[in-house]
């Protein structure tokens, strides 16, 4: 169960949940593609909410734009950590000063 939560919520820390580094990189690429697809869907949803509210004159519909944009922000933060790990930069570990 612990591994599931690490894979789902903190994929950049789940390297020891896999047998080899190659399996982890394949899984990480699939996860990255899923995150980018979800981010695109939420951006389209935010644009639809904004345009619908603007053209219909309903302000509450325009306020619904905040939800998908908040999800886009969270996905972007997760994607930046995943990109750093895929490029070989592990920004999840602290470096000790010598």
N, C-alpha and C. Protein backbone atom coordinates (compact mmCIF):
# COMPACT_ATOMS: atom_id res chain seq x y z
N UNK A 1 0.82 -1.19 0.00
CA UNK A 1 0.00 0.00 0.00
C UNK A 1 0.87 1.26 0.00
N UNK A 2 1.97 1.18 0.73
CA UNK A 2 2.87 2.33 0.79
C UNK A 2 3.46 2.61 -0.59
N UNK A 3 3.83 1.54 -1.31
CA UNK A 3 4.39 1.71 -2.65
C UNK A 3 3.36 2.32 -3.60
N UNK A 4 2.10 1.94 -3.45
CA UNK A 4 1.06 2.50 -4.30
C UNK A 4 0.96 4.01 -4.11
N UNK A 5 0.97 4.47 -2.86
CA UNK A 5 0.88 5.91 -2.61
C UNK A 5 2.11 6.64 -3.10
N UNK A 6 3.27 6.02 -2.97
CA UNK A 6 4.48 6.66 -3.48
C UNK A 6 4.45 6.76 -5.00
N UNK A 7 3.97 5.72 -5.66
CA UNK A 7 3.88 5.75 -7.11
C UNK A 7 2.82 6.75 -7.58
N UNK A 8 1.72 6.84 -6.85
CA UNK A 8 0.62 7.68 -7.29
C UNK A 8 0.86 9.16 -6.98
N UNK A 9 1.31 9.46 -5.78
CA UNK A 9 1.43 10.86 -5.36
C UNK A 9 2.85 11.41 -5.50
N UNK A 10 3.87 10.59 -5.37
CA UNK A 10 5.26 11.05 -5.45
C UNK A 10 6.05 10.14 -6.39
N UNK A 11 5.74 10.19 -7.69
CA UNK A 11 6.38 9.24 -8.60
C UNK A 11 7.90 9.41 -8.70
N UNK A 12 8.41 10.59 -8.43
CA UNK A 12 9.84 10.81 -8.53
C UNK A 12 10.62 10.17 -7.37
N UNK A 13 9.92 9.68 -6.35
CA UNK A 13 10.59 9.00 -5.23
C UNK A 13 10.39 7.49 -5.27
N UNK A 14 9.79 6.97 -6.31
CA UNK A 14 9.43 5.55 -6.36
C UNK A 14 10.45 4.68 -7.08
N UNK A 15 11.68 5.12 -7.16
CA UNK A 15 12.69 4.36 -7.91
C UNK A 15 12.96 3.00 -7.27
N UNK A 16 12.89 2.89 -5.97
CA UNK A 16 13.17 1.60 -5.32
C UNK A 16 11.97 0.66 -5.34
N UNK A 17 10.86 1.06 -5.92
CA UNK A 17 9.69 0.18 -6.05
C UNK A 17 9.80 -0.72 -7.29
N UNK A 18 10.82 -0.51 -8.10
CA UNK A 18 11.00 -1.27 -9.33
C UNK A 18 12.28 -2.09 -9.24
N UNK A 19 12.31 -3.18 -10.02
CA UNK A 19 13.46 -4.07 -9.98
C UNK A 19 14.68 -3.48 -10.68
N UNK A 20 14.44 -2.83 -11.81
CA UNK A 20 15.56 -2.25 -12.55
C UNK A 20 15.28 -0.77 -12.84
N UNK A 21 16.35 -0.07 -13.17
CA UNK A 21 16.23 1.34 -13.53
C UNK A 21 15.44 1.52 -14.82
N UNK A 22 15.59 0.57 -15.76
CA UNK A 22 14.87 0.67 -17.03
C UNK A 22 13.36 0.57 -16.84
N UNK A 23 12.92 -0.32 -15.96
CA UNK A 23 11.48 -0.42 -15.67
C UNK A 23 10.96 0.90 -15.08
N UNK A 24 11.75 1.48 -14.21
CA UNK A 24 11.35 2.75 -13.61
C UNK A 24 11.26 3.85 -14.66
N UNK A 25 12.23 3.92 -15.57
CA UNK A 25 12.21 4.96 -16.60
C UNK A 25 11.03 4.79 -17.56
N UNK A 26 10.71 3.54 -17.92
CA UNK A 26 9.55 3.29 -18.79
C UNK A 26 8.27 3.73 -18.08
N UNK A 27 8.13 3.34 -16.82
CA UNK A 27 6.95 3.73 -16.05
C UNK A 27 6.87 5.25 -15.89
N UNK A 28 8.02 5.88 -15.67
CA UNK A 28 8.06 7.33 -15.49
C UNK A 28 7.65 8.06 -16.76
N UNK A 29 8.08 7.55 -17.91
CA UNK A 29 7.68 8.17 -19.18
C UNK A 29 6.17 8.04 -19.42
N UNK A 30 5.61 6.87 -19.09
CA UNK A 30 4.16 6.69 -19.23
C UNK A 30 3.42 7.64 -18.31
N UNK A 31 3.90 7.77 -17.09
CA UNK A 31 3.28 8.67 -16.11
C UNK A 31 3.37 10.12 -16.58
N UNK A 32 4.50 10.49 -17.15
CA UNK A 32 4.71 11.84 -17.65
C UNK A 32 3.73 12.14 -18.79
N UNK A 33 3.55 11.18 -19.69
CA UNK A 33 2.61 11.38 -20.79
C UNK A 33 1.18 11.53 -20.27
N UNK A 34 0.83 10.73 -19.28
CA UNK A 34 -0.50 10.85 -18.69
C UNK A 34 -0.71 12.20 -18.02
N UNK A 35 0.31 12.70 -17.33
CA UNK A 35 0.21 14.01 -16.69
C UNK A 35 0.06 15.12 -17.72
N UNK A 36 0.82 15.04 -18.82
CA UNK A 36 0.71 16.10 -19.83
C UNK A 36 -0.66 16.05 -20.52
N UNK A 37 -1.19 14.86 -20.75
CA UNK A 37 -2.52 14.76 -21.34
C UNK A 37 -3.58 15.32 -20.40
N UNK A 38 -3.48 15.00 -19.12
CA UNK A 38 -4.45 15.52 -18.14
C UNK A 38 -4.35 17.04 -18.04
N UNK A 39 -3.13 17.56 -18.10
CA UNK A 39 -2.96 19.01 -18.02
C UNK A 39 -3.62 19.71 -19.21
N UNK A 40 -3.49 19.12 -20.40
CA UNK A 40 -4.13 19.69 -21.59
C UNK A 40 -5.65 19.67 -21.47
N UNK A 41 -6.20 18.57 -20.94
CA UNK A 41 -7.65 18.46 -20.77
C UNK A 41 -8.15 19.52 -19.78
N UNK A 42 -7.43 19.71 -18.68
CA UNK A 42 -7.85 20.71 -17.70
C UNK A 42 -7.73 22.13 -18.24
N UNK A 43 -6.75 22.39 -19.08
CA UNK A 43 -6.65 23.72 -19.70
C UNK A 43 -7.81 23.98 -20.65
N UNK A 44 -8.20 22.96 -21.41
CA UNK A 44 -9.35 23.10 -22.31
C UNK A 44 -10.62 23.31 -21.49
N UNK A 45 -10.77 22.57 -20.40
CA UNK A 45 -11.93 22.72 -19.53
C UNK A 45 -12.00 24.13 -18.94
N UNK A 46 -10.87 24.66 -18.53
CA UNK A 46 -10.83 26.01 -17.98
C UNK A 46 -11.22 27.03 -19.04
N UNK A 47 -10.73 26.85 -20.27
CA UNK A 47 -11.09 27.78 -21.35
C UNK A 47 -12.58 27.71 -21.67
N UNK A 48 -13.14 26.51 -21.67
CA UNK A 48 -14.57 26.35 -21.94
C UNK A 48 -15.40 27.02 -20.85
N UNK A 49 -15.03 26.83 -19.60
CA UNK A 49 -15.75 27.48 -18.49
C UNK A 49 -15.67 29.00 -18.60
N UNK A 50 -14.49 29.50 -18.94
CA UNK A 50 -14.32 30.94 -19.05
C UNK A 50 -15.13 31.52 -20.19
N UNK A 51 -15.09 30.88 -21.35
CA UNK A 51 -15.84 31.40 -22.50
C UNK A 51 -17.35 31.25 -22.30
N UNK A 52 -17.78 30.15 -21.72
CA UNK A 52 -19.21 29.96 -21.46
C UNK A 52 -19.74 31.01 -20.50
N UNK A 53 -18.99 31.27 -19.45
CA UNK A 53 -19.40 32.28 -18.50
C UNK A 53 -19.40 33.68 -19.09
N UNK A 54 -18.43 33.96 -19.93
CA UNK A 54 -18.34 35.29 -20.53
C UNK A 54 -19.48 35.55 -21.50
N UNK A 55 -19.73 34.58 -22.39
CA UNK A 55 -20.75 34.79 -23.40
C UNK A 55 -22.17 34.64 -22.88
N UNK A 56 -22.36 33.89 -21.81
CA UNK A 56 -23.71 33.74 -21.27
C UNK A 56 -24.00 34.76 -20.17
N UNK A 57 -22.97 35.43 -19.70
CA UNK A 57 -23.16 36.46 -18.67
C UNK A 57 -23.30 35.90 -17.26
N UNK A 58 -22.94 34.64 -17.06
CA UNK A 58 -23.04 34.03 -15.74
C UNK A 58 -21.66 34.03 -15.07
N UNK A 59 -21.50 34.86 -14.09
CA UNK A 59 -20.22 34.97 -13.40
C UNK A 59 -19.85 33.69 -12.63
N UNK A 60 -20.81 32.97 -12.00
CA UNK A 60 -20.41 31.75 -11.29
C UNK A 60 -19.74 30.70 -12.19
N UNK A 61 -20.14 30.65 -13.45
CA UNK A 61 -19.50 29.71 -14.36
C UNK A 61 -18.05 30.12 -14.60
N UNK A 62 -17.82 31.43 -14.68
CA UNK A 62 -16.45 31.91 -14.86
C UNK A 62 -15.59 31.59 -13.63
N UNK A 63 -16.20 31.58 -12.45
CA UNK A 63 -15.46 31.27 -11.24
C UNK A 63 -15.06 29.79 -11.17
N UNK A 64 -15.78 28.94 -11.91
CA UNK A 64 -15.42 27.52 -11.96
C UNK A 64 -14.07 27.30 -12.65
N UNK A 65 -13.58 28.32 -13.34
CA UNK A 65 -12.30 28.22 -14.02
C UNK A 65 -11.17 27.99 -13.02
N UNK A 66 -11.36 28.41 -11.79
CA UNK A 66 -10.31 28.29 -10.77
C UNK A 66 -9.97 26.82 -10.51
N UNK A 67 -10.95 25.95 -10.50
CA UNK A 67 -10.69 24.53 -10.19
C UNK A 67 -9.77 23.86 -11.20
N UNK A 68 -10.08 23.91 -12.50
CA UNK A 68 -9.15 23.27 -13.44
C UNK A 68 -7.78 23.94 -13.48
N UNK A 69 -7.75 25.27 -13.27
CA UNK A 69 -6.45 25.94 -13.27
C UNK A 69 -5.61 25.54 -12.06
N UNK A 70 -6.25 25.29 -10.92
CA UNK A 70 -5.52 24.82 -9.74
C UNK A 70 -4.95 23.42 -10.01
N UNK A 71 -5.73 22.58 -10.67
CA UNK A 71 -5.24 21.25 -11.02
C UNK A 71 -4.09 21.32 -12.02
N UNK A 72 -4.18 22.26 -12.95
CA UNK A 72 -3.08 22.46 -13.91
C UNK A 72 -1.81 22.87 -13.18
N UNK A 73 -1.94 23.74 -12.18
CA UNK A 73 -0.78 24.16 -11.40
C UNK A 73 -0.16 22.98 -10.66
N UNK A 74 -0.97 22.16 -10.04
CA UNK A 74 -0.45 20.99 -9.33
C UNK A 74 0.23 20.00 -10.28
N UNK A 75 -0.39 19.77 -11.43
CA UNK A 75 0.21 18.87 -12.41
C UNK A 75 1.52 19.43 -12.95
N UNK A 76 1.58 20.73 -13.15
CA UNK A 76 2.81 21.34 -13.64
C UNK A 76 3.94 21.21 -12.64
N UNK A 77 3.62 21.35 -11.35
CA UNK A 77 4.64 21.18 -10.32
C UNK A 77 5.15 19.74 -10.31
N UNK A 78 4.24 18.78 -10.44
CA UNK A 78 4.65 17.37 -10.48
C UNK A 78 5.44 17.07 -11.75
N UNK A 79 5.05 17.68 -12.86
CA UNK A 79 5.77 17.46 -14.11
C UNK A 79 7.19 18.02 -14.06
N UNK A 80 7.38 19.13 -13.38
CA UNK A 80 8.73 19.70 -13.31
C UNK A 80 9.67 18.77 -12.55
N UNK A 81 9.17 18.16 -11.48
CA UNK A 81 10.01 17.21 -10.74
C UNK A 81 10.27 15.96 -11.56
N UNK A 82 9.26 15.51 -12.29
CA UNK A 82 9.42 14.32 -13.13
C UNK A 82 10.40 14.60 -14.26
N UNK A 83 10.31 15.78 -14.88
CA UNK A 83 11.24 16.14 -15.94
C UNK A 83 12.67 16.19 -15.43
N UNK A 84 12.86 16.74 -14.24
CA UNK A 84 14.20 16.81 -13.67
C UNK A 84 14.76 15.42 -13.44
N UNK A 85 13.94 14.51 -12.99
CA UNK A 85 14.40 13.14 -12.75
C UNK A 85 14.69 12.43 -14.06
N UNK A 86 13.87 12.67 -15.08
CA UNK A 86 14.09 12.04 -16.37
C UNK A 86 15.37 12.58 -17.03
N UNK A 87 15.72 13.83 -16.75
CA UNK A 87 16.93 14.41 -17.31
C UNK A 87 18.18 14.07 -16.50
N UNK A 88 17.99 13.40 -15.37
CA UNK A 88 19.13 12.99 -14.58
C UNK A 88 19.42 13.88 -13.38
N UNK A 89 18.59 14.88 -13.15
CA UNK A 89 18.77 15.75 -12.00
C UNK A 89 17.82 15.31 -10.90
N UNK A 90 18.34 14.87 -9.79
CA UNK A 90 17.49 14.43 -8.69
C UNK A 90 17.39 15.58 -7.69
N UNK A 91 16.35 16.38 -7.83
CA UNK A 91 16.19 17.53 -6.95
C UNK A 91 15.41 17.18 -5.69
N UNK A 92 15.17 15.89 -5.47
CA UNK A 92 14.48 15.49 -4.25
C UNK A 92 15.44 15.19 -3.12
N UNK A 93 16.72 15.07 -3.44
CA UNK A 93 17.71 14.80 -2.40
C UNK A 93 18.41 16.10 -2.03
N UNK A 94 18.74 16.24 -0.78
CA UNK A 94 19.46 17.43 -0.33
C UNK A 94 20.94 17.17 -0.44
N UNK A 95 21.66 18.17 -0.84
CA UNK A 95 23.10 18.01 -0.95
C UNK A 95 23.75 18.55 0.32
N UNK A 96 24.75 17.85 0.78
CA UNK A 96 25.44 18.27 1.99
C UNK A 96 26.59 19.19 1.62
N UNK A 97 26.75 20.26 2.39
CA UNK A 97 27.86 21.17 2.15
C UNK A 97 29.13 20.60 2.73
N UNK A 98 30.19 20.73 1.99
CA UNK A 98 31.46 20.19 2.47
C UNK A 98 32.24 21.23 3.22
